[in-house]
Amino acid sequence: MLIHRMHLDDNYVVLDINSGAVHLVDKEIYDLLGFYDGTNKEETIEKFSSTYPHKAIMEDLGSLRRFAKARPVIFSGVPCAGYL
């Protein structure tokens, strides 16, 4: 996954390296993106089940899957042009 995650105070930011898009996200999405790679749904649910409600995790993973489907490069592992 080609993203950088950063936070300062209560601001959580994800930078999509391929597009240069900057996304402001909540802490839960920020945390999930630190572990979820697009293929490890069950492991992600297990890891965060003691931190976040199951329903919220499922909703967030659904949102991430829909986002990845619209922008397939985010979980593709395809390196950025110019960085090889």
N, C-alpha and C. Protein backbone atom coordinates (compact mmCIF):
# COMPACT_ATOMS: atom_id res chain seq x y z
N MET A 1 0.85 -1.16 0.00
CA MET A 1 0.00 0.00 0.00
C MET A 1 0.90 1.23 0.00
N LEU A 2 0.58 2.15 -0.84
CA LEU A 2 1.44 3.31 -1.01
C LEU A 2 0.81 4.54 -0.39
N ILE A 3 0.88 4.59 0.95
CA ILE A 3 0.36 5.73 1.68
C ILE A 3 1.36 6.11 2.76
N HIS A 4 1.24 7.34 3.21
CA HIS A 4 1.93 7.79 4.41
C HIS A 4 0.85 8.25 5.36
N ARG A 5 0.98 7.87 6.62
CA ARG A 5 0.04 8.31 7.64
C ARG A 5 0.77 9.24 8.59
N MET A 6 0.10 10.31 8.98
CA MET A 6 0.68 11.24 9.94
C MET A 6 -0.43 11.82 10.80
N HIS A 7 -0.05 12.21 12.00
CA HIS A 7 -1.05 12.87 12.85
C HIS A 7 -0.36 13.89 13.73
N LEU A 8 -1.12 14.92 14.05
CA LEU A 8 -0.68 15.97 14.95
C LEU A 8 -1.90 16.37 15.75
N ASP A 9 -1.78 16.26 17.06
CA ASP A 9 -2.90 16.52 17.96
C ASP A 9 -4.06 15.61 17.57
N ASP A 10 -5.21 16.16 17.22
CA ASP A 10 -6.37 15.35 16.85
C ASP A 10 -6.59 15.33 15.34
N ASN A 11 -5.58 15.64 14.56
CA ASN A 11 -5.68 15.65 13.10
C ASN A 11 -4.96 14.42 12.55
N TYR A 12 -5.70 13.62 11.78
CA TYR A 12 -5.17 12.39 11.20
C TYR A 12 -5.21 12.53 9.68
N VAL A 13 -4.05 12.36 9.06
CA VAL A 13 -3.90 12.61 7.64
C VAL A 13 -3.30 11.38 6.97
N VAL A 14 -3.84 11.06 5.79
CA VAL A 14 -3.29 9.98 4.98
C VAL A 14 -2.96 10.57 3.62
N LEU A 15 -1.72 10.37 3.19
CA LEU A 15 -1.26 10.83 1.88
C LEU A 15 -1.18 9.64 0.95
N ASP A 16 -1.94 9.70 -0.14
CA ASP A 16 -1.89 8.68 -1.19
C ASP A 16 -0.70 9.04 -2.08
N ILE A 17 0.34 8.24 -2.01
CA ILE A 17 1.59 8.55 -2.70
C ILE A 17 1.41 8.63 -4.21
N ASN A 18 0.65 7.70 -4.78
CA ASN A 18 0.51 7.68 -6.24
C ASN A 18 -0.20 8.90 -6.79
N SER A 19 -1.26 9.34 -6.13
CA SER A 19 -2.03 10.46 -6.67
C SER A 19 -1.63 11.79 -6.07
N GLY A 20 -1.01 11.76 -4.89
CA GLY A 20 -0.69 12.99 -4.19
C GLY A 20 -1.87 13.51 -3.39
N ALA A 21 -2.98 12.77 -3.39
CA ALA A 21 -4.17 13.20 -2.65
C ALA A 21 -3.92 13.11 -1.15
N VAL A 22 -4.43 14.09 -0.44
CA VAL A 22 -4.34 14.13 1.01
C VAL A 22 -5.74 13.94 1.57
N HIS A 23 -5.89 13.00 2.49
CA HIS A 23 -7.20 12.69 3.07
C HIS A 23 -7.15 12.94 4.57
N LEU A 24 -8.11 13.69 5.07
CA LEU A 24 -8.29 13.84 6.51
C LEU A 24 -9.21 12.70 6.94
N VAL A 25 -8.79 11.91 7.90
CA VAL A 25 -9.55 10.75 8.33
C VAL A 25 -9.71 10.79 9.85
N ASP A 26 -10.61 9.95 10.36
CA ASP A 26 -10.74 9.86 11.80
C ASP A 26 -9.71 8.87 12.34
N LYS A 27 -9.58 8.82 13.66
CA LYS A 27 -8.56 7.99 14.28
C LYS A 27 -8.74 6.51 13.95
N GLU A 28 -9.98 6.07 13.88
CA GLU A 28 -10.23 4.65 13.60
C GLU A 28 -9.73 4.25 12.21
N ILE A 29 -10.06 5.02 11.19
CA ILE A 29 -9.56 4.74 9.83
C ILE A 29 -8.04 4.82 9.83
N TYR A 30 -7.49 5.82 10.49
CA TYR A 30 -6.04 5.99 10.57
C TYR A 30 -5.40 4.72 11.16
N ASP A 31 -5.96 4.24 12.26
CA ASP A 31 -5.42 3.04 12.90
C ASP A 31 -5.56 1.82 11.99
N LEU A 32 -6.73 1.65 11.39
CA LEU A 32 -6.95 0.50 10.51
C LEU A 32 -5.97 0.51 9.34
N LEU A 33 -5.72 1.67 8.77
CA LEU A 33 -4.80 1.76 7.63
C LEU A 33 -3.36 1.44 8.01
N GLY A 34 -3.05 1.49 9.29
CA GLY A 34 -1.72 1.09 9.74
C GLY A 34 -1.52 -0.41 9.74
N PHE A 35 -2.63 -1.17 9.60
CA PHE A 35 -2.55 -2.63 9.64
C PHE A 35 -3.18 -3.29 8.42
N TYR A 36 -4.33 -2.80 7.99
CA TYR A 36 -5.09 -3.40 6.90
C TYR A 36 -4.39 -3.17 5.56
N ASP A 37 -4.21 -4.26 4.79
CA ASP A 37 -3.52 -4.14 3.50
C ASP A 37 -4.42 -4.46 2.31
N GLY A 38 -5.72 -4.58 2.58
CA GLY A 38 -6.65 -4.90 1.51
C GLY A 38 -6.94 -6.39 1.38
N THR A 39 -6.16 -7.21 2.06
CA THR A 39 -6.34 -8.66 1.96
C THR A 39 -6.52 -9.32 3.32
N ASN A 40 -6.30 -8.62 4.40
CA ASN A 40 -6.29 -9.23 5.74
C ASN A 40 -7.46 -8.75 6.61
N LYS A 41 -8.66 -8.87 6.07
CA LYS A 41 -9.86 -8.41 6.76
C LYS A 41 -10.02 -9.07 8.13
N GLU A 42 -9.98 -10.40 8.18
CA GLU A 42 -10.22 -11.11 9.43
C GLU A 42 -9.17 -10.77 10.49
N GLU A 43 -7.92 -10.69 10.08
CA GLU A 43 -6.86 -10.34 11.02
C GLU A 43 -7.04 -8.92 11.56
N THR A 44 -7.50 -8.02 10.69
CA THR A 44 -7.73 -6.64 11.10
C THR A 44 -8.87 -6.57 12.11
N ILE A 45 -9.94 -7.30 11.85
CA ILE A 45 -11.07 -7.33 12.79
C ILE A 45 -10.61 -7.85 14.14
N GLU A 46 -9.84 -8.93 14.11
CA GLU A 46 -9.35 -9.51 15.36
C GLU A 46 -8.45 -8.55 16.11
N LYS A 47 -7.55 -7.89 15.40
CA LYS A 47 -6.59 -6.98 16.05
C LYS A 47 -7.29 -5.80 16.72
N PHE A 48 -8.32 -5.26 16.09
CA PHE A 48 -8.95 -4.04 16.60
C PHE A 48 -10.25 -4.29 17.37
N SER A 49 -10.64 -5.55 17.54
CA SER A 49 -11.91 -5.85 18.19
C SER A 49 -11.96 -5.40 19.65
N SER A 50 -10.82 -5.29 20.30
CA SER A 50 -10.82 -4.83 21.69
C SER A 50 -10.71 -3.31 21.78
N THR A 51 -10.50 -2.65 20.64
CA THR A 51 -10.35 -1.20 20.63
C THR A 51 -11.58 -0.48 20.11
N TYR A 52 -12.21 -1.05 19.07
CA TYR A 52 -13.36 -0.41 18.42
C TYR A 52 -14.52 -1.40 18.34
N PRO A 53 -15.76 -0.89 18.33
CA PRO A 53 -16.91 -1.78 18.18
C PRO A 53 -16.86 -2.53 16.84
N HIS A 54 -17.30 -3.79 16.88
CA HIS A 54 -17.27 -4.64 15.68
C HIS A 54 -18.00 -3.97 14.51
N LYS A 55 -19.17 -3.40 14.78
CA LYS A 55 -19.95 -2.77 13.72
C LYS A 55 -19.17 -1.63 13.07
N ALA A 56 -18.48 -0.82 13.86
CA ALA A 56 -17.70 0.29 13.33
C ALA A 56 -16.54 -0.20 12.47
N ILE A 57 -15.88 -1.28 12.92
CA ILE A 57 -14.77 -1.84 12.14
C ILE A 57 -15.29 -2.33 10.79
N MET A 58 -16.41 -3.04 10.80
CA MET A 58 -16.98 -3.56 9.56
C MET A 58 -17.36 -2.43 8.61
N GLU A 59 -17.96 -1.37 9.14
CA GLU A 59 -18.33 -0.22 8.31
C GLU A 59 -17.10 0.44 7.72
N ASP A 60 -16.07 0.60 8.54
CA ASP A 60 -14.84 1.25 8.05
C ASP A 60 -14.13 0.39 7.01
N LEU A 61 -14.07 -0.91 7.23
CA LEU A 61 -13.44 -1.78 6.24
C LEU A 61 -14.23 -1.77 4.93
N GLY A 62 -15.55 -1.70 5.04
CA GLY A 62 -16.38 -1.57 3.84
C GLY A 62 -16.08 -0.28 3.10
N SER A 63 -15.93 0.80 3.85
CA SER A 63 -15.58 2.08 3.23
C SER A 63 -14.22 2.02 2.55
N LEU A 64 -13.26 1.39 3.21
CA LEU A 64 -11.92 1.26 2.62
C LEU A 64 -11.95 0.40 1.37
N ARG A 65 -12.74 -0.67 1.38
CA ARG A 65 -12.84 -1.53 0.19
C ARG A 65 -13.49 -0.77 -0.97
N ARG A 66 -14.54 0.00 -0.67
CA ARG A 66 -15.19 0.79 -1.73
C ARG A 66 -14.22 1.84 -2.28
N PHE A 67 -13.46 2.47 -1.40
CA PHE A 67 -12.48 3.46 -1.82
C PHE A 67 -11.41 2.81 -2.69
N ALA A 68 -10.93 1.64 -2.26
CA ALA A 68 -9.90 0.93 -3.02
C ALA A 68 -10.42 0.48 -4.38
N LYS A 69 -11.70 0.13 -4.44
CA LYS A 69 -12.28 -0.29 -5.72
C LYS A 69 -12.34 0.90 -6.68
N ALA A 70 -12.64 2.07 -6.15
CA ALA A 70 -12.70 3.27 -6.98
C ALA A 70 -11.30 3.75 -7.37
N ARG A 71 -10.31 3.50 -6.50
CA ARG A 71 -8.92 3.89 -6.74
C ARG A 71 -8.05 2.66 -6.49
N PRO A 72 -8.03 1.72 -7.42
CA PRO A 72 -7.37 0.43 -7.16
C PRO A 72 -5.89 0.50 -6.84
N VAL A 73 -5.26 1.61 -7.07
CA VAL A 73 -3.83 1.71 -6.83
C VAL A 73 -3.50 1.73 -5.33
N ILE A 74 -4.46 2.09 -4.46
CA ILE A 74 -4.12 2.27 -3.05
C ILE A 74 -3.65 0.98 -2.38
N PHE A 75 -4.22 -0.16 -2.72
CA PHE A 75 -3.77 -1.43 -2.14
C PHE A 75 -3.03 -2.30 -3.14
N SER A 76 -2.60 -1.72 -4.24
CA SER A 76 -2.04 -2.53 -5.32
C SER A 76 -0.60 -2.95 -5.09
N GLY A 77 0.14 -2.19 -4.32
CA GLY A 77 1.56 -2.48 -4.16
C GLY A 77 2.38 -2.04 -5.36
N VAL A 78 1.74 -1.37 -6.32
CA VAL A 78 2.44 -0.87 -7.50
C VAL A 78 3.24 0.35 -7.09
N PRO A 79 4.55 0.35 -7.32
CA PRO A 79 5.36 1.50 -6.92
C PRO A 79 5.03 2.74 -7.75
N CYS A 80 5.29 3.88 -7.15
CA CYS A 80 5.09 5.15 -7.86
C CYS A 80 6.06 5.25 -9.02
N ALA A 81 5.61 5.85 -10.07
CA ALA A 81 6.51 6.14 -11.19
C ALA A 81 7.62 7.06 -10.69
N GLY A 82 8.83 6.80 -11.07
CA GLY A 82 9.95 7.65 -10.67
C GLY A 82 10.61 7.22 -9.38
N TYR A 83 10.06 6.20 -8.69
CA TYR A 83 10.65 5.77 -7.43
C TYR A 83 11.26 4.38 -7.51
N LEU A 84 11.45 3.87 -8.70
CA LEU A 84 12.08 2.56 -8.86
C LEU A 84 13.56 2.70 -9.01
